[in-house]
PDB file of N, CA and C in Angstrom:
ATOM      1  N   UNK A   1      40.741  42.509  85.548  1.00  0.00           N
ATOM      2  CA  UNK A   1      39.621  43.370  85.719  1.00  0.00           C
ATOM      3  C   UNK A   1      38.954  43.166  87.062  1.00  0.00           C
ATOM      4  N   UNK A   2      39.450  42.231  87.852  1.00  0.00           N
ATOM      5  CA  UNK A   2      38.817  42.056  89.148  1.00  0.00           C
ATOM      6  C   UNK A   2      39.379  43.056  90.141  1.00  0.00           C
ATOM      7  N   UNK A   3      38.636  43.292  91.196  1.00  0.00           N
ATOM      8  CA  UNK A   3      39.004  44.292  92.179  1.00  0.00           C
ATOM      9  C   UNK A   3      39.398  43.603  93.467  1.00  0.00           C
ATOM     10  N   UNK A   4      40.316  44.223  94.208  1.00  0.00           N
ATOM     11  CA  UNK A   4      40.642  43.736  95.537  1.00  0.00           C
ATOM     12  C   UNK A   4      41.739  42.695  95.505  1.00  0.00           C
ATOM     13  N   UNK A   5      41.367  41.442  95.559  1.00  0.00           N
ATOM     14  CA  UNK A   5      42.329  40.358  95.640  1.00  0.00           C
ATOM     15  C   UNK A   5      42.938  40.102  94.275  1.00  0.00           C
ATOM     16  N   UNK A   6      44.266  39.989  94.251  1.00  0.00           N
ATOM     17  CA  UNK A   6      44.942  39.675  92.992  1.00  0.00           C
ATOM     18  C   UNK A   6      45.197  38.177  92.956  1.00  0.00           C
ATOM     19  N   UNK A   7      44.776  37.540  91.892  1.00  0.00           N
ATOM     20  CA  UNK A   7      44.976  36.110  91.709  1.00  0.00           C
ATOM     21  C   UNK A   7      46.042  35.904  90.648  1.00  0.00           C
ATOM     22  N   UNK A   8      46.891  34.931  90.874  1.00  0.00           N
ATOM     23  CA  UNK A   8      47.914  34.617  89.889  1.00  0.00           C
ATOM     24  C   UNK A   8      47.412  33.483  89.008  1.00  0.00           C
ATOM     25  N   UNK A   9      47.417  33.726  87.726  1.00  0.00           N
ATOM     26  CA  UNK A   9      46.990  32.729  86.760  1.00  0.00           C
ATOM     27  C   UNK A   9      48.160  32.409  85.857  1.00  0.00           C
ATOM     28  N   UNK A  10      48.166  31.194  85.361  1.00  0.00           N
ATOM     29  CA  UNK A  10      49.117  30.838  84.334  1.00  0.00           C
ATOM     30  C   UNK A  10      48.639  31.459  83.040  1.00  0.00           C
ATOM     31  N   UNK A  11      49.472  32.296  82.442  1.00  0.00           N
ATOM     32  CA  UNK A  11      49.073  32.961  81.207  1.00  0.00           C
ATOM     33  C   UNK A  11      49.761  32.368  79.992  1.00  0.00           C
ATOM     34  N   UNK A  12      50.434  31.242  80.192  1.00  0.00           N
ATOM     35  CA  UNK A  12      51.064  30.579  79.062  1.00  0.00           C
ATOM     36  C   UNK A  12      49.984  30.139  78.090  1.00  0.00           C
ATOM     37  N   UNK A  13      50.317  30.076  76.812  1.00  0.00           N
ATOM     38  CA  UNK A  13      49.317  29.644  75.828  1.00  0.00           C
ATOM     39  C   UNK A  13      48.809  28.245  76.147  1.00  0.00           C
ATOM     40  N   UNK A  14      47.561  27.996  75.824  1.00  0.00           N
ATOM     41  CA  UNK A  14      46.987  26.662  75.982  1.00  0.00           C
ATOM     42  C   UNK A  14      47.453  25.793  74.829  1.00  0.00           C
ATOM     43  N   UNK A  15      47.874  24.603  75.153  1.00  0.00           N
ATOM     44  CA  UNK A  15      48.244  23.647  74.123  1.00  0.00           C
ATOM     45  C   UNK A  15      47.021  22.889  73.661  1.00  0.00           C
ATOM     46  N   UNK A  16      47.175  22.150  72.607  1.00  0.00           N
ATOM     47  CA  UNK A  16      46.067  21.386  72.051  1.00  0.00           C
ATOM     48  C   UNK A  16      45.580  20.359  73.068  1.00  0.00           C
ATOM     49  N   UNK A  17      44.284  20.357  73.320  1.00  0.00           N
ATOM     50  CA  UNK A  17      43.688  19.372  74.216  1.00  0.00           C
ATOM     51  C   UNK A  17      43.946  19.606  75.689  1.00  0.00           C
ATOM     52  N   UNK A  18      44.297  20.834  76.102  1.00  0.00           N
ATOM     53  CA  UNK A  18      44.647  21.059  77.497  1.00  0.00           C
ATOM     54  C   UNK A  18      43.510  21.609  78.352  1.00  0.00           C
ATOM     55  N   UNK A  19      42.366  21.899  77.780  1.00  0.00           N
ATOM     56  CA  UNK A  19      41.250  22.439  78.554  1.00  0.00           C
ATOM     57  C   UNK A  19      40.259  21.307  78.822  1.00  0.00           C
ATOM     58  N   UNK A  20      40.021  21.043  80.100  1.00  0.00           N
ATOM     59  CA  UNK A  20      39.045  20.047  80.506  1.00  0.00           C
ATOM     60  C   UNK A  20      37.918  20.792  81.210  1.00  0.00           C
ATOM     61  N   UNK A  21      36.684  20.539  80.799  1.00  0.00           N
ATOM     62  CA  UNK A  21      35.543  21.258  81.347  1.00  0.00           C
ATOM     63  C   UNK A  21      34.733  20.382  82.285  1.00  0.00           C
ATOM     64  N   UNK A  22      34.330  20.958  83.413  1.00  0.00           N
ATOM     65  CA  UNK A  22      33.417  20.301  84.330  1.00  0.00           C
ATOM     66  C   UNK A  22      32.010  20.759  83.968  1.00  0.00           C
ATOM     67  N   UNK A  23      31.328  19.976  83.132  1.00  0.00           N
ATOM     68  CA  UNK A  23      29.949  20.273  82.747  1.00  0.00           C
ATOM     69  C   UNK A  23      29.135  18.993  82.863  1.00  0.00           C
ATOM     70  N   UNK A  24      27.839  19.144  82.991  1.00  0.00           N
ATOM     71  CA  UNK A  24      26.960  17.985  83.091  1.00  0.00           C
ATOM     72  C   UNK A  24      25.572  18.436  83.459  1.00  0.00           C
ATOM     73  N   UNK A  25      24.824  17.582  84.125  1.00  0.00           N
ATOM     74  CA  UNK A  25      23.451  17.890  84.513  1.00  0.00           C
ATOM     75  C   UNK A  25      23.427  19.139  85.393  1.00  0.00           C
ATOM     76  N   UNK A  26      22.838  20.215  84.871  1.00  0.00           N
ATOM     77  CA  UNK A  26      22.702  21.451  85.638  1.00  0.00           C
ATOM     78  C   UNK A  26      23.949  22.308  85.733  1.00  0.00           C
ATOM     79  N   UNK A  27      25.054  21.864  85.121  1.00  0.00           N
ATOM     80  CA  UNK A  27      26.332  22.596  85.178  1.00  0.00           C
ATOM     81  C   UNK A  27      26.834  22.819  83.759  1.00  0.00           C
ATOM     82  N   UNK A  28      27.166  24.067  83.424  1.00  0.00           N
ATOM     83  CA  UNK A  28      27.658  24.392  82.087  1.00  0.00           C
ATOM     84  C   UNK A  28      28.953  25.170  82.147  1.00  0.00           C
ATOM     85  N   UNK A  29      29.358  25.675  80.995  1.00  0.00           N
ATOM     86  CA  UNK A  29      30.591  26.447  80.876  1.00  0.00           C
ATOM     87  C   UNK A  29      30.348  27.645  79.976  1.00  0.00           C
ATOM     88  N   UNK A  30      31.202  28.645  80.125  1.00  0.00           N
ATOM     89  CA  UNK A  30      31.136  29.862  79.323  1.00  0.00           C
ATOM     90  C   UNK A  30      32.514  30.135  78.745  1.00  0.00           C
ATOM     91  N   UNK A  31      32.575  30.304  77.431  1.00  0.00           N
ATOM     92  CA  UNK A  31      33.806  30.707  76.751  1.00  0.00           C
ATOM     93  C   UNK A  31      33.574  32.110  76.217  1.00  0.00           C
ATOM     94  N   UNK A  32      34.451  33.028  76.596  1.00  0.00           N
ATOM     95  CA  UNK A  32      34.358  34.416  76.144  1.00  0.00           C
ATOM     96  C   UNK A  32      35.547  34.678  75.237  1.00  0.00           C
ATOM     97  N   UNK A  33      35.276  34.906  73.950  1.00  0.00           N
ATOM     98  CA  UNK A  33      36.325  35.221  72.985  1.00  0.00           C
ATOM     99  C   UNK A  33      36.585  36.727  73.061  1.00  0.00           C
ATOM    100  N   UNK A  34      37.856  37.107  73.112  1.00  0.00           N
ATOM    101  CA  UNK A  34      38.208  38.517  73.309  1.00  0.00           C
ATOM    102  C   UNK A  34      39.224  38.988  72.270  1.00  0.00           C
ATOM    103  N   UNK A  35      39.359  40.304  72.146  1.00  0.00           N
ATOM    104  CA  UNK A  35      40.464  40.835  71.343  1.00  0.00           C
ATOM    105  C   UNK A  35      41.799  40.529  72.047  1.00  0.00           C
ATOM    106  N   UNK A  36      42.850  40.476  71.284  1.00  0.00           N
ATOM    107  CA  UNK A  36      44.168  40.155  71.826  1.00  0.00           C
ATOM    108  C   UNK A  36      44.688  41.133  72.864  1.00  0.00           C
ATOM    109  N   UNK A  37      44.236  42.390  72.804  1.00  0.00           N
ATOM    110  CA  UNK A  37      44.762  43.357  73.766  1.00  0.00           C
ATOM    111  C   UNK A  37      44.229  43.125  75.184  1.00  0.00           C
ATOM    112  N   UNK A  38      43.324  42.160  75.360  1.00  0.00           N
ATOM    113  CA  UNK A  38      42.876  41.807  76.703  1.00  0.00           C
ATOM    114  C   UNK A  38      43.657  40.643  77.291  1.00  0.00           C
ATOM    115  N   UNK A  39      44.661  40.150  76.568  1.00  0.00           N
ATOM    116  CA  UNK A  39      45.477  39.041  77.065  1.00  0.00           C
ATOM    117  C   UNK A  39      45.995  39.358  78.464  1.00  0.00           C
ATOM    118  N   UNK A  40      45.764  38.448  79.397  1.00  0.00           N
ATOM    119  CA  UNK A  40      46.211  38.621  80.772  1.00  0.00           C
ATOM    120  C   UNK A  40      45.185  39.274  81.687  1.00  0.00           C
ATOM    121  N   UNK A  41      44.197  39.945  81.144  1.00  0.00           N
ATOM    122  CA  UNK A  41      43.156  40.565  81.973  1.00  0.00           C
ATOM    123  C   UNK A  41      42.234  39.487  82.541  1.00  0.00           C
ATOM    124  N   UNK A  42      41.741  39.735  83.746  1.00  0.00           N
ATOM    125  CA  UNK A  42      40.758  38.847  84.339  1.00  0.00           C
ATOM    126  C   UNK A  42      39.362  39.358  83.980  1.00  0.00           C
ATOM    127  N   UNK A  43      38.519  38.450  83.554  1.00  0.00           N
ATOM    128  CA  UNK A  43      37.143  38.796  83.232  1.00  0.00           C
ATOM    129  C   UNK A  43      36.250  38.098  84.256  1.00  0.00           C
ATOM    130  N   UNK A  44      35.324  38.871  84.797  1.00  0.00           N
ATOM    131  CA  UNK A  44      34.436  38.362  85.831  1.00  0.00           C
ATOM    132  C   UNK A  44      33.031  38.137  85.289  1.00  0.00           C
ATOM    133  N   UNK A  45      32.352  37.141  85.860  1.00  0.00           N
ATOM    134  CA  UNK A  45      30.945  36.907  85.607  1.00  0.00           C
ATOM    135  C   UNK A  45      30.261  36.678  86.948  1.00  0.00           C
ATOM    136  N   UNK A  46      28.975  36.991  86.997  1.00  0.00           N
ATOM    137  CA  UNK A  46      28.188  36.749  88.207  1.00  0.00           C
ATOM    138  C   UNK A  46      26.780  36.363  87.805  1.00  0.00           C
ATOM    139  N   UNK A  47      26.089  35.623  88.672  1.00  0.00           N
ATOM    140  CA  UNK A  47      24.691  35.335  88.377  1.00  0.00           C
ATOM    141  C   UNK A  47      23.904  36.649  88.304  1.00  0.00           C
ATOM    142  N   UNK A  48      22.960  36.724  87.372  1.00  0.00           N
ATOM    143  CA  UNK A  48      22.083  37.889  87.297  1.00  0.00           C
ATOM    144  C   UNK A  48      21.376  38.002  88.645  1.00  0.00           C
ATOM    145  N   UNK A  49      21.345  39.195  89.199  1.00  0.00           N
ATOM    146  CA  UNK A  49      20.684  39.414  90.484  1.00  0.00           C
ATOM    147  C   UNK A  49      21.581  39.224  91.690  1.00  0.00           C
ATOM    148  N   UNK A  50      22.808  38.760  91.489  1.00  0.00           N
ATOM    149  CA  UNK A  50      23.738  38.585  92.616  1.00  0.00           C
ATOM    150  C   UNK A  50      25.152  38.974  92.200  1.00  0.00           C
ATOM    151  N   UNK A  51      25.382  40.286  91.973  1.00  0.00           N
ATOM    152  CA  UNK A  51      26.684  40.732  91.487  1.00  0.00           C
ATOM    153  C   UNK A  51      27.833  40.508  92.477  1.00  0.00           C
ATOM    154  N   UNK A  52      27.524  40.217  93.719  1.00  0.00           N
ATOM    155  CA  UNK A  52      28.590  39.975  94.698  1.00  0.00           C
ATOM    156  C   UNK A  52      29.169  38.563  94.584  1.00  0.00           C
ATOM    157  N   UNK A  53      28.480  37.667  93.903  1.00  0.00           N
ATOM    158  CA  UNK A  53      28.952  36.280  93.757  1.00  0.00           C
ATOM    159  C   UNK A  53      29.625  36.110  92.400  1.00  0.00           C
ATOM    160  N   UNK A  54      30.824  36.632  92.301  1.00  0.00           N
ATOM    161  CA  UNK A  54      31.543  36.619  91.017  1.00  0.00           C
ATOM    162  C   UNK A  54      32.581  35.508  90.965  1.00  0.00           C
ATOM    163  N   UNK A  55      32.816  35.081  89.757  1.00  0.00           N
ATOM    164  CA  UNK A  55      33.940  34.192  89.473  1.00  0.00           C
ATOM    165  C   UNK A  55      34.675  34.797  88.289  1.00  0.00           C
ATOM    166  N   UNK A  56      35.919  34.430  88.117  1.00  0.00           N
ATOM    167  CA  UNK A  56      36.703  35.053  87.050  1.00  0.00           C
ATOM    168  C   UNK A  56      37.726  34.076  86.484  1.00  0.00           C
ATOM    169  N   UNK A  57      38.253  34.463  85.353  1.00  0.00           N
ATOM    170  CA  UNK A  57      39.352  33.735  84.724  1.00  0.00           C
ATOM    171  C   UNK A  57      40.133  34.731  83.882  1.00  0.00           C
ATOM    172  N   UNK A  58      41.365  34.382  83.596  1.00  0.00           N
ATOM    173  CA  UNK A  58      42.238  35.260  82.810  1.00  0.00           C
ATOM    174  C   UNK A  58      42.127  34.944  81.324  1.00  0.00           C
ATOM    175  N   UNK A  59      42.259  35.979  80.518  1.00  0.00           N
ATOM    176  CA  UNK A  59      42.299  35.820  79.060  1.00  0.00           C
ATOM    177  C   UNK A  59      43.642  35.184  78.706  1.00  0.00           C
ATOM    178  N   UNK A  60      43.583  34.124  77.924  1.00  0.00           N
ATOM    179  CA  UNK A  60      44.798  33.422  77.504  1.00  0.00           C
ATOM    180  C   UNK A  60      44.814  33.233  76.001  1.00  0.00           C
ATOM    181  N   UNK A  61      46.020  33.106  75.474  1.00  0.00           N
ATOM    182  CA  UNK A  61      46.195  32.792  74.050  1.00  0.00           C
ATOM    183  C   UNK A  61      45.876  31.313  73.853  1.00  0.00           C
ATOM    184  N   UNK A  62      45.126  31.025  72.814  1.00  0.00           N
ATOM    185  CA  UNK A  62      44.765  29.641  72.494  1.00  0.00           C
ATOM    186  C   UNK A  62      45.117  29.401  71.025  1.00  0.00           C
ATOM    187  N   UNK A  63      46.093  28.531  70.819  1.00  0.00           N
ATOM    188  CA  UNK A  63      46.572  28.290  69.471  1.00  0.00           C
ATOM    189  C   UNK A  63      45.706  27.242  68.792  1.00  0.00           C
ATOM    190  N   UNK A  64      45.175  27.634  67.640  1.00  0.00           N
ATOM    191  CA  UNK A  64      44.307  26.771  66.848  1.00  0.00           C
ATOM    192  C   UNK A  64      44.899  26.641  65.450  1.00  0.00           C
ATOM    193  N   UNK A  65      44.307  25.793  64.664  1.00  0.00           N
ATOM    194  CA  UNK A  65      44.845  25.518  63.331  1.00  0.00           C
ATOM    195  C   UNK A  65      45.062  26.788  62.508  1.00  0.00           C
ATOM    196  N   UNK A  66      44.141  27.748  62.617  1.00  0.00           N
ATOM    197  CA  UNK A  66      44.225  28.960  61.796  1.00  0.00           C
ATOM    198  C   UNK A  66      44.999  30.104  62.446  1.00  0.00           C
ATOM    199  N   UNK A  67      45.649  29.866  63.576  1.00  0.00           N
ATOM    200  CA  UNK A  67      46.418  30.926  64.236  1.00  0.00           C
ATOM    201  C   UNK A  67      46.180  30.943  65.731  1.00  0.00           C
ATOM    202  N   UNK A  68      45.998  32.137  66.262  1.00  0.00           N
ATOM    203  CA  UNK A  68      45.802  32.284  67.706  1.00  0.00           C
ATOM    204  C   UNK A  68      44.492  33.012  67.983  1.00  0.00           C
ATOM    205  N   UNK A  69      43.807  32.549  69.016  1.00  0.00           N
ATOM    206  CA  UNK A  69      42.596  33.207  69.507  1.00  0.00           C
ATOM    207  C   UNK A  69      42.855  33.545  70.973  1.00  0.00           C
ATOM    208  N   UNK A  70      42.156  34.530  71.478  1.00  0.00           N
ATOM    209  CA  UNK A  70      42.261  34.885  72.885  1.00  0.00           C
ATOM    210  C   UNK A  70      40.898  34.665  73.511  1.00  0.00           C
ATOM    211  N   UNK A  71      40.888  33.981  74.647  1.00  0.00           N
ATOM    212  CA  UNK A  71      39.601  33.693  75.274  1.00  0.00           C
ATOM    213  C   UNK A  71      39.757  33.380  76.750  1.00  0.00           C
ATOM    214  N   UNK A  72      38.619  33.417  77.415  1.00  0.00           N
ATOM    215  CA  UNK A  72      38.459  33.032  78.812  1.00  0.00           C
ATOM    216  C   UNK A  72      37.568  31.803  78.823  1.00  0.00           C
ATOM    217  N   UNK A  73      37.901  30.822  79.643  1.00  0.00           N
ATOM    218  CA  UNK A  73      37.062  29.638  79.798  1.00  0.00           C
ATOM    219  C   UNK A  73      36.680  29.538  81.272  1.00  0.00           C
ATOM    220  N   UNK A  74      35.375  29.573  81.539  1.00  0.00           N
ATOM    221  CA  UNK A  74      34.875  29.442  82.908  1.00  0.00           C
ATOM    222  C   UNK A  74      33.912  28.260  82.919  1.00  0.00           C
ATOM    223  N   UNK A  75      34.266  27.231  83.684  1.00  0.00           N
ATOM    224  CA  UNK A  75      33.392  26.063  83.745  1.00  0.00           C
ATOM    225  C   UNK A  75      32.785  25.948  85.141  1.00  0.00           C
ATOM    226  N   UNK A  76      32.073  24.879  85.372  1.00  0.00           N
ATOM    227  CA  UNK A  76      31.419  24.602  86.657  1.00  0.00           C
ATOM    228  C   UNK A  76      30.394  25.661  87.039  1.00  0.00           C
ATOM    229  N   UNK A  77      29.733  26.266  86.041  1.00  0.00           N
ATOM    230  CA  UNK A  77      28.712  27.279  86.313  1.00  0.00           C
ATOM    231  C   UNK A  77      27.333  26.620  86.391  1.00  0.00           C
ATOM    232  N   UNK A  78      26.633  26.800  87.516  1.00  0.00           N
ATOM    233  CA  UNK A  78      25.253  26.307  87.557  1.00  0.00           C
ATOM    234  C   UNK A  78      24.440  26.974  86.444  1.00  0.00           C
ATOM    235  N   UNK A  79      23.578  26.206  85.785  1.00  0.00           N
ATOM    236  CA  UNK A  79      22.827  26.792  84.680  1.00  0.00           C
ATOM    237  C   UNK A  79      22.014  27.982  85.171  1.00  0.00           C
ATOM    238  N   UNK A  80      21.926  28.990  84.292  1.00  0.00           N
ATOM    239  CA  UNK A  80      21.207  30.211  84.626  1.00  0.00           C
ATOM    240  C   UNK A  80      21.707  31.374  83.793  1.00  0.00           C
ATOM    241  N   UNK A  81      21.300  32.573  84.161  1.00  0.00           N
ATOM    242  CA  UNK A  81      21.701  33.799  83.466  1.00  0.00           C
ATOM    243  C   UNK A  81      22.864  34.430  84.223  1.00  0.00           C
ATOM    244  N   UNK A  82      23.852  34.913  83.459  1.00  0.00           N
ATOM    245  CA  UNK A  82      25.057  35.511  84.034  1.00  0.00           C
ATOM    246  C   UNK A  82      25.342  36.873  83.419  1.00  0.00           C
ATOM    247  N   UNK A  83      25.877  37.764  84.247  1.00  0.00           N
ATOM    248  CA  UNK A  83      26.364  39.061  83.785  1.00  0.00           C
ATOM    249  C   UNK A  83      27.847  38.907  83.485  1.00  0.00           C
ATOM    250  N   UNK A  84      28.282  39.371  82.317  1.00  0.00           N
ATOM    251  CA  UNK A  84      29.705  39.484  81.983  1.00  0.00           C
ATOM    252  C   UNK A  84      30.068  40.930  82.306  1.00  0.00           C
ATOM    253  N   UNK A  85      31.092  41.116  83.155  1.00  0.00           N
ATOM    254  CA  UNK A  85      31.471  42.452  83.618  1.00  0.00           C
ATOM    255  C   UNK A  85      32.575  43.033  82.763  1.00  0.00           C
ATOM    256  N   UNK A  86      32.350  44.235  82.252  1.00  0.00           N
ATOM    257  CA  UNK A  86      33.363  44.959  81.472  1.00  0.00           C
ATOM    258  C   UNK A  86      34.507  45.399  82.373  1.00  0.00           C
ATOM    259  N   UNK A  87      34.161  45.865  83.557  1.00  0.00           N
ATOM    260  CA  UNK A  87      35.113  46.269  84.595  1.00  0.00           C
ATOM    261  C   UNK A  87      34.395  46.026  85.919  1.00  0.00           C
ATOM    262  N   UNK A  88      34.993  46.342  87.045  1.00  0.00           N
ATOM    263  CA  UNK A  88      34.370  46.008  88.331  1.00  0.00           C
ATOM    264  C   UNK A  88      32.979  46.587  88.572  1.00  0.00           C
ATOM    265  N   UNK A  89      32.620  47.661  87.877  1.00  0.00           N
ATOM    266  CA  UNK A  89      31.319  48.286  88.142  1.00  0.00           C
ATOM    267  C   UNK A  89      30.398  48.365  86.921  1.00  0.00           C
ATOM    268  N   UNK A  90      30.872  47.956  85.750  1.00  0.00           N
ATOM    269  CA  UNK A  90      30.100  48.129  84.525  1.00  0.00           C
ATOM    270  C   UNK A  90      29.740  46.784  83.896  1.00  0.00           C
ATOM    271  N   UNK A  91      28.448  46.434  83.895  1.00  0.00           N
ATOM    272  CA  UNK A  91      28.063  45.206  83.199  1.00  0.00           C
ATOM    273  C   UNK A  91      28.197  45.394  81.692  1.00  0.00           C
ATOM    274  N   UNK A  92      28.630  44.347  81.017  1.00  0.00           N
ATOM    275  CA  UNK A  92      28.816  44.395  79.565  1.00  0.00           C
ATOM    276  C   UNK A  92      27.690  43.662  78.841  1.00  0.00           C
ATOM    277  N   UNK A  93      27.327  42.495  79.355  1.00  0.00           N
ATOM    278  CA  UNK A  93      26.335  41.667  78.665  1.00  0.00           C
ATOM    279  C   UNK A  93      25.715  40.697  79.652  1.00  0.00           C
ATOM    280  N   UNK A  94      24.623  40.098  79.197  1.00  0.00           N
ATOM    281  CA  UNK A  94      23.967  39.038  79.956  1.00  0.00           C
ATOM    282  C   UNK A  94      23.900  37.820  79.040  1.00  0.00           C
ATOM    283  N   UNK A  95      24.310  36.664  79.564  1.00  0.00           N
ATOM    284  CA  UNK A  95      24.317  35.436  78.765  1.00  0.00           C
ATOM    285  C   UNK A  95      23.651  34.312  79.546  1.00  0.00           C
ATOM    286  N   UNK A  96      23.112  33.363  78.817  1.00  0.00           N
ATOM    287  CA  UNK A  96      22.510  32.186  79.435  1.00  0.00           C
ATOM    288  C   UNK A  96      23.444  30.999  79.347  1.00  0.00           C
ATOM    289  N   UNK A  97      23.581  30.277  80.444  1.00  0.00           N
ATOM    290  CA  UNK A  97      24.396  29.063  80.494  1.00  0.00           C
ATOM    291  C   UNK A  97      23.454  27.899  80.773  1.00  0.00           C
ATOM    292  N   UNK A  98      23.530  26.879  79.935  1.00  0.00           N
ATOM    293  CA  UNK A  98      22.697  25.683  80.096  1.00  0.00           C
ATOM    294  C   UNK A  98      23.537  24.527  80.600  1.00  0.00           C
ATOM    295  N   UNK A  99      22.926  23.676  81.386  1.00  0.00           N
ATOM    296  CA  UNK A  99      23.626  22.498  81.880  1.00  0.00           C
ATOM    297  C   UNK A  99      24.059  21.580  80.757  1.00  0.00           C
ATOM    298  N   UNK A 100      25.238  21.012  80.901  1.00  0.00           N
ATOM    299  CA  UNK A 100      25.748  20.056  79.922  1.00  0.00           C
ATOM    300  C   UNK A 100      26.208  20.653  78.620  1.00  0.00           C
ATOM    301  N   UNK A 101      26.352  21.986  78.559  1.00  0.00           N
ATOM    302  CA  UNK A 101      26.774  22.608  77.301  1.00  0.00           C
ATOM    303  C   UNK A 101      27.714  23.783  77.558  1.00  0.00           C
ATOM    304  N   UNK A 102      28.253  24.283  76.454  1.00  0.00           N
ATOM    305  CA  UNK A 102      29.180  25.417  76.490  1.00  0.00           C
ATOM    306  C   UNK A 102      28.534  26.585  75.764  1.00  0.00           C
ATOM    307  N   UNK A 103      28.429  27.713  76.445  1.00  0.00           N
ATOM    308  CA  UNK A 103      27.929  28.952  75.846  1.00  0.00           C
ATOM    309  C   UNK A 103      29.124  29.761  75.394  1.00  0.00           C
ATOM    310  N   UNK A 104      29.070  30.314  74.185  1.00  0.00           N
ATOM    311  CA  UNK A 104      30.146  31.171  73.684  1.00  0.00           C
ATOM    312  C   UNK A 104      29.636  32.597  73.557  1.00  0.00           C
ATOM    313  N   UNK A 105      30.512  33.544  73.919  1.00  0.00           N
ATOM    314  CA  UNK A 105      30.179  34.969  73.832  1.00  0.00           C
ATOM    315  C   UNK A 105      31.371  35.698  73.218  1.00  0.00           C
ATOM    316  N   UNK A 106      31.088  36.592  72.298  1.00  0.00           N
ATOM    317  CA  UNK A 106      32.134  37.387  71.627  1.00  0.00           C
ATOM    318  C   UNK A 106      32.204  38.772  72.282  1.00  0.00           C
ATOM    319  N   UNK A 107      33.343  39.070  72.928  1.00  0.00           N
ATOM    320  CA  UNK A 107      33.564  40.381  73.552  1.00  0.00           C
ATOM    321  C   UNK A 107      33.566  41.427  72.453  1.00  0.00           C
ATOM    322  N   UNK A 108      32.736  42.478  72.558  1.00  0.00           N
ATOM    323  CA  UNK A 108      32.699  43.485  71.485  1.00  0.00           C
ATOM    324  C   UNK A 108      34.045  44.216  71.335  1.00  0.00           C
ATOM    325  N   UNK A 109      34.475  44.373  70.109  1.00  0.00           N
ATOM    326  CA  UNK A 109      35.768  45.030  69.835  1.00  0.00           C
ATOM    327  C   UNK A 109      35.859  46.405  70.481  1.00  0.00           C
ATOM    328  N   UNK A 110      34.793  47.176  70.466  1.00  0.00           N
ATOM    329  CA  UNK A 110      34.819  48.524  71.018  1.00  0.00           C
ATOM    330  C   UNK A 110      34.762  48.576  72.523  1.00  0.00           C
ATOM    331  N   UNK A 111      34.643  47.439  73.200  1.00  0.00           N
ATOM    332  CA  UNK A 111      34.497  47.425  74.659  1.00  0.00           C
ATOM    333  C   UNK A 111      35.812  47.152  75.384  1.00  0.00           C
ATOM    334  N   UNK A 112      36.935  47.287  74.690  1.00  0.00           N
ATOM    335  CA  UNK A 112      38.213  47.046  75.339  1.00  0.00           C
ATOM    336  C   UNK A 112      38.636  48.250  76.134  1.00  0.00           C
ATOM    337  N   UNK A 113      39.458  47.978  77.136  1.00  0.00           N
ATOM    338  CA  UNK A 113      39.911  49.081  77.988  1.00  0.00           C
ATOM    339  C   UNK A 113      41.253  49.615  77.577  1.00  0.00           C
TER     340      UNK A 113
END
């Protein structure tokens, strides 16, 4: 879903215990759970008020005890409010990220492309 530069991400499923997060004082992480049809899409977030400063990650399959989930994991985010972008020009939601913790957001089923 990002525009301009194409980034290559590993889209292989995540194995158990393979995600390490850089979080701590003033730094948090955001996990965005998505429908499976977004697998491989890049999802962007930006600080509220600064849409030009975006970061992104690809939706990947994550195998858990009860099956498979699809999600994006973005860590190393300074605490604050972030816009989750539906596409390059359409904001989808606003979420708060706190230092030392993980914020989870559920991508609305009807918001898929």
